[in-house]
N, C-alpha and C. Protein backbone atom coordinates (compact mmCIF):
# COMPACT_ATOMS: atom_id res chain seq x y z
N MET A 1 7.84 -113.86 45.71
CA MET A 1 6.71 -113.83 44.69
C MET A 1 7.14 -113.90 43.42
N GLN A 2 6.61 -114.53 42.75
CA GLN A 2 6.75 -115.02 41.05
C GLN A 2 6.67 -113.94 40.29
N SER A 3 7.80 -113.50 39.18
CA SER A 3 8.12 -112.61 38.88
C SER A 3 6.55 -111.88 38.03
N ASP A 4 6.05 -112.70 37.74
CA ASP A 4 4.61 -112.61 36.87
C ASP A 4 3.86 -111.58 38.02
N ASP A 5 3.79 -112.16 39.15
CA ASP A 5 2.89 -111.46 39.86
C ASP A 5 3.55 -110.12 40.63
N LEU A 6 4.95 -110.21 40.52
CA LEU A 6 5.42 -108.37 40.62
C LEU A 6 5.06 -107.90 39.85
N LYS A 7 5.77 -108.33 38.21
CA LYS A 7 5.53 -107.53 37.01
C LYS A 7 4.16 -106.81 37.08
N LYS A 8 2.48 -107.54 37.50
CA LYS A 8 1.30 -107.39 37.38
C LYS A 8 1.71 -106.46 38.59
N GLN A 9 1.92 -106.34 39.87
CA GLN A 9 1.85 -105.52 40.99
C GLN A 9 2.18 -104.02 40.13
N LEU A 10 3.79 -103.80 40.07
CA LEU A 10 4.52 -102.77 39.24
C LEU A 10 3.58 -102.39 37.86
N VAL A 11 2.66 -102.94 37.02
CA VAL A 11 2.01 -102.20 35.98
C VAL A 11 0.90 -101.57 36.64
N ASP A 12 0.24 -102.29 37.93
CA ASP A 12 -0.87 -101.81 38.47
C ASP A 12 -0.75 -100.66 39.19
N LEU A 13 0.76 -100.53 39.94
CA LEU A 13 1.04 -99.47 40.33
C LEU A 13 1.36 -98.33 39.46
N ARG A 14 1.81 -98.81 38.56
CA ARG A 14 2.27 -97.51 37.18
C ARG A 14 0.82 -97.15 36.63
N ASP A 15 0.13 -97.83 36.52
CA ASP A 15 -1.36 -97.48 36.13
C ASP A 15 -2.13 -96.64 37.19
N GLU A 16 -2.10 -97.04 38.37
CA GLU A 16 -2.64 -96.18 39.57
C GLU A 16 -1.97 -94.63 39.81
N LEU A 17 -0.59 -94.86 39.51
CA LEU A 17 -0.06 -93.69 39.67
C LEU A 17 -0.53 -92.31 38.31
N ASN A 18 -0.17 -93.17 37.35
CA ASN A 18 -0.60 -92.25 35.97
C ASN A 18 -2.09 -91.57 36.44
N GLN A 19 -3.22 -92.54 36.54
CA GLN A 19 -4.67 -91.93 37.47
C GLN A 19 -4.51 -90.72 38.09
N ARG A 20 -3.30 -91.00 39.16
CA ARG A 20 -3.41 -89.72 39.94
C ARG A 20 -2.67 -88.82 39.88
N ILE A 21 -1.54 -88.75 38.33
CA ILE A 21 -1.37 -87.86 37.60
C ILE A 21 -2.26 -86.78 37.18
N GLU A 22 -2.93 -87.85 36.32
CA GLU A 22 -4.03 -87.35 35.66
C GLU A 22 -5.40 -86.08 36.29
N GLY A 23 -5.83 -86.89 37.51
CA GLY A 23 -6.41 -86.27 38.52
C GLY A 23 -5.83 -85.06 39.20
N ILE A 24 -4.53 -84.98 39.60
CA ILE A 24 -3.76 -83.46 39.86
C ILE A 24 -3.83 -82.98 38.76
N GLN A 25 -3.98 -83.12 37.39
CA GLN A 25 -3.77 -82.20 36.30
C GLN A 25 -5.55 -81.82 36.19
N HIS A 26 -6.33 -82.44 36.57
CA HIS A 26 -7.44 -82.04 36.40
C HIS A 26 -7.63 -80.86 37.33
N ASP A 27 -7.67 -81.24 38.71
CA ASP A 27 -7.55 -80.77 39.88
C ASP A 27 -7.03 -78.91 39.76
N MET A 28 -5.97 -78.91 38.86
CA MET A 28 -5.05 -77.70 38.59
C MET A 28 -5.69 -76.71 37.44
N ALA A 29 -6.51 -77.51 36.86
CA ALA A 29 -7.06 -77.09 35.60
C ALA A 29 -8.49 -76.19 36.02
N ALA A 30 -8.85 -76.38 36.83
CA ALA A 30 -9.79 -75.65 37.44
C ALA A 30 -9.84 -74.71 37.31
N GLY A 31 -11.16 -73.47 37.24
CA GLY A 31 -10.82 -72.16 37.31
C GLY A 31 -10.17 -71.63 38.50
N ARG A 32 -9.76 -70.38 38.51
CA ARG A 32 -9.56 -69.95 40.04
C ARG A 32 -10.69 -69.30 40.48
N SER A 33 -10.74 -68.48 42.03
CA SER A 33 -11.71 -68.38 42.72
C SER A 33 -11.43 -66.16 42.34
N ARG A 34 -12.43 -65.51 42.42
CA ARG A 34 -12.26 -64.22 42.27
C ARG A 34 -11.60 -63.35 43.96
N ASP A 35 -11.41 -64.23 44.71
CA ASP A 35 -11.08 -63.37 45.79
C ASP A 35 -9.89 -63.98 46.16
N SER A 36 -8.70 -62.32 46.18
CA SER A 36 -7.36 -63.06 46.22
C SER A 36 -6.61 -63.74 47.46
N GLU A 37 -7.34 -63.86 48.65
CA GLU A 37 -7.43 -64.68 49.69
C GLU A 37 -7.30 -66.46 49.24
N GLU A 38 -8.67 -66.63 48.57
CA GLU A 38 -8.52 -67.52 48.31
C GLU A 38 -7.75 -67.93 46.48
N GLN A 39 -7.26 -67.10 45.93
CA GLN A 39 -6.25 -67.31 44.85
C GLN A 39 -5.12 -67.45 45.63
N ALA A 40 -4.74 -67.16 46.67
CA ALA A 40 -3.31 -67.47 47.42
C ALA A 40 -3.50 -68.94 48.10
N GLN A 41 -4.72 -69.46 48.27
CA GLN A 41 -4.52 -70.18 49.01
C GLN A 41 -4.41 -71.56 47.89
N GLU A 42 -5.43 -71.34 46.61
CA GLU A 42 -5.07 -72.15 45.79
C GLU A 42 -3.68 -72.51 45.21
N MET A 43 -3.35 -71.25 44.82
CA MET A 43 -1.68 -70.90 44.55
C MET A 43 -0.97 -72.26 45.23
N GLU A 44 -1.03 -72.15 46.50
CA GLU A 44 -0.01 -72.76 47.75
C GLU A 44 -0.76 -74.32 47.29
N ASN A 45 -1.82 -74.65 47.02
CA ASN A 45 -2.46 -75.99 47.00
C ASN A 45 -1.90 -76.37 45.45
N ASP A 46 -1.67 -75.90 44.46
CA ASP A 46 -1.30 -76.02 43.16
C ASP A 46 0.29 -76.87 43.46
N GLU A 47 1.15 -75.64 44.26
CA GLU A 47 2.28 -76.22 44.61
C GLU A 47 2.64 -77.52 45.41
N VAL A 48 1.57 -77.84 46.22
CA VAL A 48 1.78 -79.02 46.44
C VAL A 48 1.31 -79.95 45.82
N LEU A 49 0.21 -79.81 44.96
CA LEU A 49 -0.24 -80.91 43.70
C LEU A 49 0.99 -81.07 42.65
N GLN A 50 1.91 -80.14 42.44
CA GLN A 50 3.01 -80.11 41.36
C GLN A 50 4.14 -81.28 42.19
N ALA A 51 4.11 -80.89 43.55
CA ALA A 51 5.02 -81.52 44.18
C ALA A 51 4.62 -83.11 44.09
N LEU A 52 3.33 -83.50 44.35
CA LEU A 52 2.97 -84.94 44.29
C LEU A 52 3.05 -85.36 42.94
N ALA A 53 2.32 -84.71 41.89
CA ALA A 53 2.46 -84.79 40.53
C ALA A 53 4.14 -85.38 40.32
N MET A 54 4.98 -84.58 40.61
CA MET A 54 6.27 -85.04 40.16
C MET A 54 7.19 -86.44 41.15
N ASP A 55 6.46 -86.40 42.16
CA ASP A 55 6.95 -87.46 42.95
C ASP A 55 6.14 -88.94 42.05
N ALA A 56 5.11 -88.73 42.13
CA ALA A 56 4.28 -89.71 40.84
C ALA A 56 5.10 -90.07 39.82
N ARG A 57 5.75 -89.14 39.04
CA ARG A 57 6.43 -89.16 37.88
C ARG A 57 7.80 -89.85 38.20
N ASN A 58 8.19 -89.33 38.92
CA ASN A 58 9.53 -90.04 39.47
C ASN A 58 9.61 -91.57 39.80
N GLU A 59 8.47 -92.00 40.96
CA GLU A 59 8.03 -93.38 41.01
C GLU A 59 7.86 -94.44 39.64
N ILE A 60 6.91 -93.54 38.74
CA ILE A 60 7.03 -94.12 37.47
C ILE A 60 8.09 -94.46 36.83
N GLY A 61 8.85 -93.54 36.64
CA GLY A 61 10.32 -94.02 36.04
C GLY A 61 10.93 -94.47 36.58
N GLU A 62 10.76 -95.18 37.53
CA GLU A 62 11.43 -95.99 38.78
C GLU A 62 10.65 -97.54 38.40
N ILE A 63 9.65 -97.48 38.52
CA ILE A 63 9.03 -98.54 37.92
C ILE A 63 9.02 -99.43 36.02
N GLU A 64 9.06 -98.33 35.66
CA GLU A 64 9.69 -98.45 33.99
C GLU A 64 10.82 -99.13 34.16
N ARG A 65 11.70 -98.34 35.05
CA ARG A 65 13.26 -98.88 34.86
C ARG A 65 13.35 -100.42 35.57
N ALA A 66 12.50 -100.75 36.34
CA ALA A 66 12.32 -102.05 36.53
C ALA A 66 11.65 -103.14 36.03
N LEU A 67 10.65 -102.54 35.34
CA LEU A 67 9.94 -103.70 34.14
C LEU A 67 11.45 -103.61 32.84
N THR A 68 12.28 -102.87 32.65
CA THR A 68 12.86 -103.07 31.50
C THR A 68 13.90 -103.90 32.08
N ARG A 69 14.30 -103.87 33.31
CA ARG A 69 15.02 -105.07 33.87
C ARG A 69 14.46 -106.49 33.86
N MET A 70 13.30 -106.52 34.02
CA MET A 70 12.55 -107.83 34.32
C MET A 70 12.68 -108.50 32.83
N ASP A 71 12.64 -107.36 31.75
CA ASP A 71 12.27 -107.85 29.98
C ASP A 71 13.84 -108.51 29.74
N ASN A 72 14.92 -107.56 30.30
CA ASN A 72 16.09 -108.03 29.74
C ASN A 72 16.75 -108.86 30.72
N GLY A 73 16.19 -109.44 31.51
CA GLY A 73 17.14 -110.57 32.17
C GLY A 73 17.74 -109.78 33.83
N THR A 74 17.98 -108.55 33.68
CA THR A 74 19.10 -108.18 34.65
C THR A 74 18.42 -107.93 36.32
N TYR A 75 16.68 -107.89 36.57
CA TYR A 75 15.99 -107.58 37.62
C TYR A 75 16.47 -108.11 38.72
N GLY A 76 16.80 -107.45 39.81
CA GLY A 76 17.50 -108.33 41.07
C GLY A 76 19.11 -108.82 40.99
N THR A 77 19.50 -107.78 40.19
CA THR A 77 20.87 -107.72 39.72
C THR A 77 21.27 -106.40 39.64
N CYS A 78 22.57 -106.36 41.38
CA CYS A 78 22.63 -104.50 41.62
C CYS A 78 23.29 -104.22 40.22
N ALA A 79 22.64 -102.76 39.97
CA ALA A 79 23.43 -101.98 38.71
C ALA A 79 24.80 -101.47 39.30
N ASN A 80 25.23 -101.63 40.49
CA ASN A 80 26.47 -100.94 40.78
C ASN A 80 27.31 -102.38 40.72
N CYS A 81 27.31 -103.27 41.69
CA CYS A 81 28.21 -104.37 42.01
C CYS A 81 28.26 -105.81 41.17
N ALA A 82 26.96 -105.71 40.50
CA ALA A 82 26.68 -107.04 39.67
C ALA A 82 25.99 -107.97 40.59
N GLU A 83 26.40 -107.94 42.30
CA GLU A 83 25.64 -109.10 43.03
C GLU A 83 23.86 -109.38 42.99
N PRO A 84 23.82 -110.40 43.29
CA PRO A 84 22.29 -110.59 43.52
C PRO A 84 21.75 -109.29 44.25
N ILE A 85 20.55 -108.88 44.46
CA ILE A 85 19.84 -108.10 45.49
C ILE A 85 18.94 -109.19 46.23
N ALA A 86 19.06 -108.83 47.73
CA ALA A 86 18.50 -109.81 48.72
C ALA A 86 17.26 -109.44 48.45
N GLU A 87 16.51 -110.74 48.28
CA GLU A 87 14.99 -110.62 47.87
C GLU A 87 14.17 -110.26 48.86
N ASP A 88 14.57 -110.16 50.05
CA ASP A 88 13.93 -108.91 51.29
C ASP A 88 13.55 -107.58 50.81
N ARG A 89 14.88 -107.09 50.01
CA ARG A 89 14.76 -105.87 49.88
C ARG A 89 13.67 -105.26 48.48
N LEU A 90 14.18 -106.32 47.49
CA LEU A 90 13.36 -106.89 46.45
C LEU A 90 11.43 -106.34 47.02
N LYS A 91 11.61 -107.38 48.08
CA LYS A 91 9.87 -107.43 48.69
C LYS A 91 9.28 -105.93 48.99
N ALA A 92 10.47 -105.58 49.56
CA ALA A 92 10.16 -104.48 50.42
C ALA A 92 10.06 -102.90 49.17
N TYR A 93 11.14 -102.86 48.51
CA TYR A 93 11.17 -102.08 47.74
C TYR A 93 11.56 -103.04 46.14
N PRO A 94 10.25 -103.03 45.30
CA PRO A 94 10.38 -104.02 43.91
C PRO A 94 11.37 -103.13 42.99
N MET A 95 11.21 -101.94 43.01
CA MET A 95 11.99 -100.81 42.11
C MET A 95 13.47 -100.91 42.52
N ALA A 96 13.93 -101.64 43.28
CA ALA A 96 15.39 -101.55 43.60
C ALA A 96 16.18 -101.88 42.85
N GLU A 97 17.43 -100.90 42.61
CA GLU A 97 18.82 -101.06 41.30
C GLU A 97 19.47 -101.57 41.81
N LYS A 98 20.00 -101.33 43.07
CA LYS A 98 21.17 -101.63 43.39
C LYS A 98 20.99 -102.76 45.19
N CYS A 99 22.04 -103.35 45.78
CA CYS A 99 21.83 -104.20 46.69
C CYS A 99 21.77 -102.94 47.90
N ILE A 100 22.05 -103.21 49.26
CA ILE A 100 21.83 -102.40 50.48
C ILE A 100 23.02 -101.67 50.58
N LYS A 101 24.21 -102.62 50.23
CA LYS A 101 25.91 -102.15 50.52
C LYS A 101 25.70 -100.85 49.27
N CYS A 102 25.70 -101.10 47.99
CA CYS A 102 25.67 -100.23 47.53
C CYS A 102 24.94 -98.87 46.84
N ALA A 103 23.72 -99.20 47.71
CA ALA A 103 22.76 -97.99 47.83
C ALA A 103 23.03 -97.30 48.90
């Protein structure tokens, strides 16, 4: 995969995750029901939404770090042992910072 294509893929994924977070925040800002049972269900739903937002933020952080490595020329090099990360690993998980051995 060409680095420009991969960079675009990562930027697109980051943008999609940011939109997902915005949607979650919008859903959580919605008013509460007056019914106490429904309020309890809404609170449970908010916990799930918060977990999804946290996962998305974590993934955005991984994407940002991968984009930084692309910009500074260290993408594809293990952050631990400085050996090249296998192309198959990068294809499967483009945000990989470590080779399989070090991961």
